[in-house]
Amino acid sequence: MSSAWLLPEHIADVLPSEARRIEELRRVLLDCARCCGYELVMPPMLEHLESLLTGAGGELDLRTFKLVDQLSGRTLGVRADATPQVARIDAHLLNREGVTRLCYCAPVLHTRPAGLRATREPLQFGAEIYGHAGLEADLEVQELALTALRRVGVQGLTLDLADARIVRALLAGVPVDASMLGEVYRSLAAKDTATLVQLTAGFPAESREGLLALTQLYGGLEILAEARRRLPQRGAIAAALDDLAWLTDHLARAFPDVALGLDLADLSGYAYYSGARFAVYAAGHPDALVRGGRYDEVGAVFGRNRPAVGFSTDLKEVVALARVEGTRAAVRAPWGEQASLREAVRRLREQGEIVVCVLPGHEHEVQEFECDRELVAQGEHWVVRPL
């Protein structure tokens, strides 16, 4: 029999020092989004399953916990991603004309961890723009992602770009069922050329050669010129490469310290995206810290198929790389019943000071707050002095 205090695998408590750093990080990122005009929304943890899984494909379905609502008898899902919920809010609750900018920060729950050391309960921060189909919106969310990470001190940033339209164009007119399509996508994402050769044996030569070329089209910005040479001359592919060139040109000028690259076979979350997509990596972190891109079809099931672009990240991963305060300077005060002491403590707290009252018998215990001052009596008054 397992101990009552043991938690499920890949689920963990966040203890005071880490919790404080995550909260500081959350505030900085939300303020960063607010400064760019993004409004905060708070979607519910539970929704009807069909609403949660709209436009997301089978990958999100497998990651979603499901349960039966005791009130309605319908199947509910615990959100594994907040973006479908934000799309629903934009489509039906706000229902605005023109551009809407929304941000959120909320826990999500996954049936399985994304990696060996990943949590199944990420704290997802994201920002999304609805209502603008132009590349200006794509550039804005990419710049916001980079700005937010730099503001919290994440170092050694690399932004990789891709575009979902390229693979779609290569597969246009190719008769493949959903199962085969999934295998092709997985082989591309893993750059498994041997498997891809077998899977595409019956494909038209142009599509087959283009898919195989994608496994080698990753690296610096020179990949754009190579892709134009090696990929078929199709309108959707040319448009995608033109868009990537426009984005990288603007990003290179705005963020000269950020390394830019392309990985045209990157298909993580492929069912989600409809256009340009990106991933941000940081020095010392093995996987993408931020993922985002354009997903214009995400609101279709809600009856309002608006242009949409955004990104998300897990604050529990970001906090390990961010430079945010772990301890806070505080005032240590004795515990006492004197009216003057209690009034002095209240006054300091109203001024925004952290005041930790030391309970009797606990004078030497370590606190989460670093007390660099103390409240002491001087005659009939209480004053703060350095420790």
Foldseek 3Di string as FASTA:
>chain_A
DDDPPDDPPLDDDQDQLRVVLLVQLVVLLVVLLVVVPAAEDDFDQKDQPCLQCFLQPDVQVQFWDWDADPVPRGIMTGHQDCVSVVLLCCVPVVNDAAKHKYKYWAWGATPDAPDPNHHRIFGKIKIKMWFDPDCVRVLVQVVSVVVSLVVQPFAAKAKAKAWLLQLVVLCVPPDDDPVLVVVLLVCLQVLVLVVLCVSCVPPPPLSSQLSNVLSVQKDAPVSLVVNVVRHDPDPSVVVQSVSVVVSVVVCCVVCVRYGYMYRHSNCVSVSQAHTMWMFMDGPPDDDTQKIWFWGQQSNVVVVDRITMIMMMGGSSVSSVRGNDDSAAEAEEEEDDDDPQRVVVVVVCVVVVGHYDYQYPPRPPDDDSHDYQWYWDDDPPHIDIDGD
